[in-house]
C-alpha atoms as a PDB file:
ATOM      1  CA  MET A   1       0.000   0.000   0.000  1.00  0.00           C
ATOM      2  CA  CYS A   2       1.272   3.424  -0.900  1.00  0.00           C
ATOM      3  CA  ASP A   3       0.875   5.931   1.895  1.00  0.00           C
ATOM      4  CA  GLU A   4       2.504   9.018   0.445  1.00  0.00           C
ATOM      5  CA  SER A   5       1.542  12.660   0.798  1.00  0.00           C
ATOM      6  CA  ARG A   6       3.502  15.785   0.036  1.00  0.00           C
ATOM      7  CA  SER A   7       2.900  19.519   0.041  1.00  0.00           C
ATOM      8  CA  HIS A   8       3.451  21.957  -2.787  1.00  0.00           C
ATOM      9  CA  GLY A   9       4.347  25.614  -2.602  1.00  0.00           C
ATOM     10  CA  VAL A  10       2.636  28.552  -4.235  1.00  0.00           C
ATOM     11  CA  GLY A  11       0.593  27.731  -7.315  1.00  0.00           C
ATOM     12  CA  PRO A  12      -0.082  29.917 -10.354  1.00  0.00           C
ATOM     13  CA  GLY A  13      -1.231  33.461  -9.665  1.00  0.00           C
ATOM     14  CA  ARG A  14       0.812  34.152  -6.499  1.00  0.00           C
ATOM     15  CA  PRO A  15       4.458  34.374  -7.655  1.00  0.00           C
ATOM     16  CA  GLY A  16       6.976  35.126  -4.930  1.00  0.00           C
ATOM     17  CA  ASN A  17       4.519  34.532  -2.090  1.00  0.00           C
ATOM     18  CA  SER A  18       5.709  32.241   0.722  1.00  0.00           C
ATOM     19  CA  LEU A  19       2.235  30.834   1.403  1.00  0.00           C
ATOM     20  CA  SER A  20       2.157  27.030   1.299  1.00  0.00           C
ATOM     21  CA  VAL A  21      -0.248  24.244   2.227  1.00  0.00           C
ATOM     22  CA  THR A  22       0.469  20.799   3.688  1.00  0.00           C
ATOM     23  CA  ILE A  23      -1.683  17.820   2.677  1.00  0.00           C
ATOM     24  CA  GLU A  24      -1.773  14.750   4.936  1.00  0.00           C
ATOM     25  CA  GLN A  25      -3.584  11.461   4.416  1.00  0.00           C
ATOM     26  CA  THR A  26      -5.412  10.464   7.620  1.00  0.00           C
ATOM     27  CA  ALA A  27      -7.277   7.262   6.683  1.00  0.00           C
ATOM     28  CA  LEU A  28      -7.516   4.856   3.760  1.00  0.00           C
ATOM     29  CA  SER A  29      -9.948   2.025   3.034  1.00  0.00           C
ATOM     30  CA  ALA A  30     -11.009   0.086  -0.046  1.00  0.00           C
ATOM     31  CA  GLU A  31     -13.710   2.687  -0.740  1.00  0.00           C
ATOM     32  CA  GLN A  32     -12.383   6.072   0.393  1.00  0.00           C
ATOM     33  CA  VAL A  33      -9.408   8.179   1.432  1.00  0.00           C
ATOM     34  CA  GLN A  34      -9.589  10.871   4.107  1.00  0.00           C
ATOM     35  CA  PHE A  35      -7.163  13.772   4.342  1.00  0.00           C
ATOM     36  CA  ARG A  36      -6.538  17.116   5.995  1.00  0.00           C
ATOM     37  CA  TRP A  37      -4.736  20.278   5.023  1.00  0.00           C
ATOM     38  CA  ARG A  38      -3.105  23.139   6.899  1.00  0.00           C
ATOM     39  CA  TRP A  39      -1.834  26.515   5.717  1.00  0.00           C
ATOM     40  CA  SER A  40       1.590  27.868   6.621  1.00  0.00           C
ATOM     41  CA  ASP A  41       0.127  31.058   8.130  1.00  0.00           C
ATOM     42  CA  SER A  42      -3.201  32.702   8.902  1.00  0.00           C
ATOM     43  CA  ASP A  43      -3.953  33.306   5.225  1.00  0.00           C
ATOM     44  CA  TYR A  44      -5.945  30.608   3.455  1.00  0.00           C
ATOM     45  CA  ALA A  45      -7.950  29.794   0.339  1.00  0.00           C
ATOM     46  CA  ASP A  46     -11.637  30.447  -0.285  1.00  0.00           C
ATOM     47  CA  TYR A  47     -12.289  26.978  -1.681  1.00  0.00           C
ATOM     48  CA  MET A  48     -10.597  23.850  -3.000  1.00  0.00           C
ATOM     49  CA  VAL A  49     -11.243  21.692  -6.075  1.00  0.00           C
ATOM     50  CA  ALA A  50     -10.281  18.005  -5.937  1.00  0.00           C
ATOM     51  CA  TYR A  51      -9.312  16.029  -9.052  1.00  0.00           C
ATOM     52  CA  VAL A  52      -9.108  12.222  -9.140  1.00  0.00           C
ATOM     53  CA  ASN A  53      -6.956  10.810 -11.947  1.00  0.00           C
ATOM     54  CA  GLY A  54      -7.409  14.069 -13.842  1.00  0.00           C
ATOM     55  CA  GLN A  55     -11.202  14.235 -13.476  1.00  0.00           C
ATOM     56  CA  GLU A  56     -12.880  16.856 -11.285  1.00  0.00           C
ATOM     57  CA  TYR A  57     -14.367  15.202  -8.209  1.00  0.00           C
ATOM     58  CA  ARG A  58     -15.969  18.038  -6.235  1.00  0.00           C
ATOM     59  CA  VAL A  59     -15.528  21.521  -4.795  1.00  0.00           C
ATOM     60  CA  PHE A  60     -14.844  21.903  -1.075  1.00  0.00           C
ATOM     61  CA  ASN A  61     -16.118  25.287   0.130  1.00  0.00           C
ATOM     62  CA  TYR A  62     -13.902  25.714   3.164  1.00  0.00           C
ATOM     63  CA  GLY A  63     -12.377  28.996   4.284  1.00  0.00           C
ATOM     64  CA  GLU A  64     -10.193  27.913   7.190  1.00  0.00           C
ATOM     65  CA  THR A  65      -6.514  27.655   8.068  1.00  0.00           C
ATOM     66  CA  TYR A  66      -7.006  23.893   8.222  1.00  0.00           C
ATOM     67  CA  GLY A  67      -9.698  21.455   7.160  1.00  0.00           C
ATOM     68  CA  PHE A  68     -10.674  17.876   6.436  1.00  0.00           C
ATOM     69  CA  GLY A  69     -11.984  16.175   3.318  1.00  0.00           C
ATOM     70  CA  ALA A  70     -12.674  12.756   1.819  1.00  0.00           C
ATOM     71  CA  ILE A  71     -12.717  11.178  -1.626  1.00  0.00           C
ATOM     72  CA  LYS A  72     -15.356   8.433  -1.670  1.00  0.00           C
ATOM     73  CA  THR A  73     -16.705   5.714  -4.009  1.00  0.00           C
ATOM     74  CA  LEU A  74     -13.202   4.441  -4.807  1.00  0.00           C
ATOM     75  CA  ARG A  75     -12.470   0.892  -5.936  1.00  0.00           C
ATOM     76  CA  ALA A  76     -10.403  -1.679  -4.071  1.00  0.00           C
ATOM     77  CA  ASP A  77      -6.912  -2.583  -5.336  1.00  0.00           C
ATOM     78  CA  THR A  78      -6.703   0.567  -7.477  1.00  0.00           C
ATOM     79  CA  SER A  79      -4.096   3.313  -7.863  1.00  0.00           C
ATOM     80  CA  TYR A  80      -5.255   6.937  -7.676  1.00  0.00           C
ATOM     81  CA  ASP A  81      -3.571  10.303  -8.221  1.00  0.00           C
ATOM     82  CA  ILE A  82      -5.495  12.948  -6.299  1.00  0.00           C
ATOM     83  CA  THR A  83      -4.715  16.625  -6.883  1.00  0.00           C
ATOM     84  CA  LEU A  84      -6.099  19.382  -4.663  1.00  0.00           C
ATOM     85  CA  HIS A  85      -6.210  22.909  -6.127  1.00  0.00           C
ATOM     86  CA  PHE A  86      -6.719  25.805  -3.707  1.00  0.00           C
ATOM     87  CA  TYR A  87      -8.272  29.089  -4.877  1.00  0.00           C
ATOM     88  CA  LYS A  88      -8.482  32.591  -3.432  1.00  0.00           C
ATOM     89  CA  ASN A  89     -10.430  35.260  -5.313  1.00  0.00           C
ATOM     90  CA  ASN A  90     -10.783  32.620  -8.065  1.00  0.00           C
ATOM     91  CA  VAL A  91      -7.000  32.405  -8.478  1.00  0.00           C
ATOM     92  CA  ASN A  92      -5.184  29.069  -7.998  1.00  0.00           C
ATOM     93  CA  ILE A  93      -2.755  29.921  -5.180  1.00  0.00           C
ATOM     94  CA  ALA A  94      -1.454  26.452  -4.234  1.00  0.00           C
ATOM     95  CA  GLN A  95      -1.941  22.766  -4.833  1.00  0.00           C
ATOM     96  CA  GLY A  96      -1.140  19.439  -3.201  1.00  0.00           C
ATOM     97  CA  GLU A  97      -1.132  15.811  -4.253  1.00  0.00           C
ATOM     98  CA  LEU A  98      -1.902  12.419  -2.754  1.00  0.00           C
ATOM     99  CA  HIS A  99      -0.794   9.201  -4.446  1.00  0.00           C
ATOM    100  CA  ILE A 100      -2.670   6.192  -3.041  1.00  0.00           C
ATOM    101  CA  VAL A 101      -3.398   2.531  -3.718  1.00  0.00           C
ATOM    102  CA  THR A 102      -6.617   1.340  -2.111  1.00  0.00           C
ATOM    103  CA  PRO A 103      -6.313  -1.929  -0.148  1.00  0.00           C
ATOM    104  CA  HIS A 104      -7.934  -5.238  -0.955  1.00  0.00           C
ATOM    105  CA  ASP A 105     -11.600  -5.335   0.078  1.00  0.00           C
ATOM    106  CA  ASP A 106     -11.462  -8.429   2.285  1.00  0.00           C
ATOM    107  CA  THR A 107     -14.889  -9.605   3.447  1.00  0.00           C
ATOM    108  CA  ILE A 108     -14.150 -13.340   3.660  1.00  0.00           C
ATOM    109  CA  ALA A 109     -13.800 -14.845   7.129  1.00  0.00           C
ATOM    110  CA  PRO A 110     -10.847 -17.159   7.806  1.00  0.00           C
ATOM    111  CA  ASN A 111     -11.150 -20.866   8.549  1.00  0.00           C
ATOM    112  CA  VAL A 112      -9.730 -22.045  11.873  1.00  0.00           C
ATOM    113  CA  ASN A 113      -9.021 -25.587  13.043  1.00  0.00           C
ATOM    114  CA  ALA A 114      -7.850 -27.434  16.147  1.00  0.00           C
ATOM    115  CA  MET A 115      -6.498 -30.935  16.743  1.00  0.00           C
ATOM    116  CA  LEU A 116      -6.246 -32.655  20.112  1.00  0.00           C
ATOM    117  CA  GLY A 117      -2.867 -34.048  21.139  1.00  0.00           C
ATOM    118  CA  ASN A 118      -1.991 -35.678  24.463  1.00  0.00           C
ATOM    119  CA  HIS A 119      -4.157 -35.121  27.517  1.00  0.00           C
ATOM    120  CA  THR A 120      -4.408 -36.168  31.161  1.00  0.00           C
ATOM    121  CA  SER A 121      -6.391 -34.966  34.160  1.00  0.00           C
ATOM    122  CA  THR A 122      -3.890 -32.117  34.639  1.00  0.00           C
ATOM    123  CA  THR A 123      -2.598 -31.282  31.144  1.00  0.00           C
ATOM    124  CA  ALA A 124      -3.775 -31.055  27.545  1.00  0.00           C
ATOM    125  CA  ASP A 125      -2.153 -29.965  24.319  1.00  0.00           C
ATOM    126  CA  PHE A 126      -3.737 -28.938  21.046  1.00  0.00           C
ATOM    127  CA  GLU A 127      -2.519 -27.907  17.615  1.00  0.00           C
ATOM    128  CA  VAL A 128      -4.328 -24.900  16.099  1.00  0.00           C
ATOM    129  CA  TRP A 129      -4.102 -23.104  12.745  1.00  0.00           C
ATOM    130  CA  SER A 130      -5.918 -20.695  10.409  1.00  0.00           C
ATOM    131  CA  ASP A 131      -5.879 -20.348   6.628  1.00  0.00           C
ATOM    132  CA  GLU A 132      -5.276 -16.564   6.924  1.00  0.00           C
ATOM    133  CA  PRO A 133      -2.805 -14.512   8.948  1.00  0.00           C
ATOM    134  CA  GLY A 134      -4.312 -12.966  12.048  1.00  0.00           C
ATOM    135  CA  THR A 135      -5.094 -13.826  15.664  1.00  0.00           C
ATOM    136  CA  ILE A 136      -6.512 -17.043  17.095  1.00  0.00           C
ATOM    137  CA  TYR A 137      -8.488 -16.689  20.344  1.00  0.00           C
ATOM    138  CA  TYR A 138      -9.218 -19.762  22.462  1.00  0.00           C
ATOM    139  CA  ILE A 139     -10.816 -20.877  25.715  1.00  0.00           C
ATOM    140  CA  PHE A 140     -10.677 -24.245  27.486  1.00  0.00           C
ATOM    141  CA  VAL A 141     -13.844 -25.151  29.404  1.00  0.00           C
ATOM    142  CA  ARG A 142     -15.868 -27.962  30.906  1.00  0.00           C
ATOM    143  CA  ASP A 143     -18.938 -28.213  28.679  1.00  0.00           C
ATOM    144  CA  ALA A 144     -21.216 -28.959  31.645  1.00  0.00           C
ATOM    145  CA  ASP A 145     -20.515 -25.454  32.986  1.00  0.00           C
ATOM    146  CA  PHE A 146     -22.248 -23.890  29.955  1.00  0.00           C
ATOM    147  CA  ASN A 147     -25.923 -24.277  29.073  1.00  0.00           C
ATOM    148  CA  VAL A 148     -25.128 -23.311  25.470  1.00  0.00           C
ATOM    149  CA  MET A 149     -21.928 -23.296  23.456  1.00  0.00           C
ATOM    150  CA  PRO A 150     -19.761 -20.212  24.188  1.00  0.00           C
ATOM    151  CA  ASN A 151     -20.206 -17.441  21.609  1.00  0.00           C
ATOM    152  CA  LYS A 152     -17.524 -15.516  19.717  1.00  0.00           C
ATOM    153  CA  SER A 153     -17.535 -12.524  22.060  1.00  0.00           C
ATOM    154  CA  LEU A 154     -16.978 -14.727  25.103  1.00  0.00           C
ATOM    155  CA  ILE A 155     -14.154 -16.621  23.394  1.00  0.00           C
ATOM    156  CA  MET A 156     -12.384 -13.428  22.305  1.00  0.00           C
ATOM    157  CA  ALA A 157     -12.781 -11.749  25.712  1.00  0.00           C
ATOM    158  CA  GLY A 158     -11.644 -14.855  27.597  1.00  0.00           C
ATOM    159  CA  ASN A 159     -12.678 -13.475  30.988  1.00  0.00           C
ATOM    160  CA  ASP A 160     -15.712 -15.553  31.993  1.00  0.00           C
ATOM    161  CA  PRO A 161     -15.159 -17.126  35.466  1.00  0.00           C
ATOM    162  CA  ARG A 162     -16.221 -20.531  34.125  1.00  0.00           C
ATOM    163  CA  ILE A 163     -13.254 -20.597  31.739  1.00  0.00           C
ATOM    164  CA  VAL A 164     -10.407 -22.863  32.866  1.00  0.00           C
ATOM    165  CA  ARG A 165      -7.785 -21.408  30.504  1.00  0.00           C
ATOM    166  CA  SER A 166      -7.809 -18.776  27.749  1.00  0.00           C
ATOM    167  CA  GLY A 167      -5.351 -17.081  25.424  1.00  0.00           C
ATOM    168  CA  GLN A 168      -4.567 -15.783  21.966  1.00  0.00           C
ATOM    169  CA  LEU A 169      -1.917 -16.447  19.328  1.00  0.00           C
ATOM    170  CA  ASN A 170      -0.699 -14.416  16.369  1.00  0.00           C
ATOM    171  CA  VAL A 171      -0.383 -16.697  13.344  1.00  0.00           C
ATOM    172  CA  THR A 172       0.536 -16.586   9.680  1.00  0.00           C
ATOM    173  CA  ALA A 173      -1.510 -18.442   7.066  1.00  0.00           C
ATOM    174  CA  ASP A 174      -1.566 -22.222   7.701  1.00  0.00           C
ATOM    175  CA  GLN A 175       1.008 -21.877  10.481  1.00  0.00           C
ATOM    176  CA  ARG A 176       0.399 -24.599  13.067  1.00  0.00           C
ATOM    177  CA  LYS A 177       0.952 -23.616  16.684  1.00  0.00           C
ATOM    178  CA  GLN A 178       0.812 -25.570  19.911  1.00  0.00           C
ATOM    179  CA  VAL A 179      -1.530 -24.692  22.759  1.00  0.00           C
ATOM    180  CA  LEU A 180      -0.195 -26.301  25.935  1.00  0.00           C
ATOM    181  CA  LEU A 181      -2.557 -26.231  28.914  1.00  0.00           C
ATOM    182  CA  ASP A 182      -1.590 -27.157  32.468  1.00  0.00           C
ATOM    183  CA  GLY A 183      -1.977 -25.976  36.044  1.00  0.00           C
ATOM    184  CA  PHE A 184      -5.476 -27.430  36.444  1.00  0.00           C
ATOM    185  CA  THR A 185      -6.888 -30.673  37.823  1.00  0.00           C
ATOM    186  CA  ILE A 186      -9.945 -32.440  36.436  1.00  0.00           C
ATOM    187  CA  THR A 187     -11.745 -34.014  39.385  1.00  0.00           C
ATOM    188  CA  GLU A 188     -15.164 -34.642  37.830  1.00  0.00           C
ATOM    189  CA  PRO A 189     -15.998 -36.763  34.792  1.00  0.00           C
ATOM    190  CA  GLY A 190     -17.264 -34.920  31.754  1.00  0.00           C
ATOM    191  CA  TYR A 191     -16.362 -33.461  28.384  1.00  0.00           C
ATOM    192  CA  TRP A 192     -13.696 -30.749  28.128  1.00  0.00           C
ATOM    193  CA  THR A 193     -13.355 -28.590  25.017  1.00  0.00           C
ATOM    194  CA  LEU A 194     -11.000 -26.044  23.500  1.00  0.00           C
ATOM    195  CA  TYR A 195     -13.179 -23.518  21.625  1.00  0.00           C
ATOM    196  CA  LEU A 196     -11.513 -21.097  19.231  1.00  0.00           C
ATOM    197  CA  VAL A 197     -12.067 -18.433  16.584  1.00  0.00           C
ATOM    198  CA  SER A 198      -9.687 -16.624  14.243  1.00  0.00           C
ATOM    199  CA  GLU A 199      -9.763 -12.931  13.276  1.00  0.00           C
ATOM    200  CA  ASP A 200      -7.945 -11.689  10.168  1.00  0.00           C
ATOM    201  CA  SER A 201      -6.370  -8.257   9.629  1.00  0.00           C
ATOM    202  CA  ALA A 202      -9.593  -6.931   8.052  1.00  0.00           C
ATOM    203  CA  GLY A 203     -11.614  -7.799  11.168  1.00  0.00           C
ATOM    204  CA  ASN A 204     -13.399 -10.820   9.683  1.00  0.00           C
ATOM    205  CA  ILE A 205     -14.052 -13.491  12.322  1.00  0.00           C
ATOM    206  CA  SER A 206     -14.270 -17.215  11.638  1.00  0.00           C
ATOM    207  CA  SER A 207     -17.002 -19.544  12.778  1.00  0.00           C
ATOM    208  CA  ILE A 208     -16.422 -21.268  16.120  1.00  0.00           C
ATOM    209  CA  GLN A 209     -14.463 -24.505  16.069  1.00  0.00           C
ATOM    210  CA  GLY A 210     -13.601 -26.875  18.877  1.00  0.00           C
ATOM    211  CA  ALA A 211     -11.700 -29.986  19.872  1.00  0.00           C
ATOM    212  CA  GLY A 212     -11.956 -31.845  23.145  1.00  0.00           C
ATOM    213  CA  PHE A 213     -11.924 -35.021  25.181  1.00  0.00           C
ATOM    214  CA  SER A 214     -13.805 -36.781  27.959  1.00  0.00           C
ATOM    215  CA  LEU A 215     -12.501 -38.130  31.251  1.00  0.00           C
END
C-alpha cells in the first residue's frame, strides 16, 4: 500500500509569495481516502477543487486555516492520483497531491481448526491453525458449565469465570501452533473442550471450532 503525501508551494497566480499548504492522508480504506490540510500562516484559500486521476471530483467550500476532506466511491486494489487545487479570489494559489493505492476489500472470514494431542487430568495440548494470517483466540472449558456453546464474544474476551484457561496467538496463514494447557486438575468426569475463533487483519471473524476429550 502506498501511503505518500507531500505539500506543494505557491501555485499559479501568487508568484513570490511564501504561502504554502500541507496535505496529509489520515485514513484509507477500499472505498475512500480521508485527508486534511493546513496553511503555513493565517492566510488561506476560499475553496478547493479536488481532481481524481485528472477528473474533477468536487468543490470543497472551506475557508479555514485547516480542514478535512474525503474522496469516496473508490475501488479496491486501485491506484489513484489525487490533486487538490486551492483558490483565493478565483486564483489558484497552491496545490497538493496524494498518491494512493486502495487496499484489498477483504470480506471473507478465515477458517480455523484445532487438533487434540496428548491429555491427562492435569494437562492437555492442542494444535491450532488458520488459513489466513491474524489472531486465534481460544478458551478451554468444561462443557457442563455452559448451558449453550460459548459465543464468539466470550471466546475473544476470555474473561468468563467458568473458563479454565484462555489465550490468543498471532499466526501466519496455515502456520500450526501448539496450545499447551496445564496448572489445572480435572476431578469430575465430563467433556472438556478447546473452543476457538480466528480474526484476520480486516476484522473478519471465523465460525467457532472446537476440539476436546472426555474423562
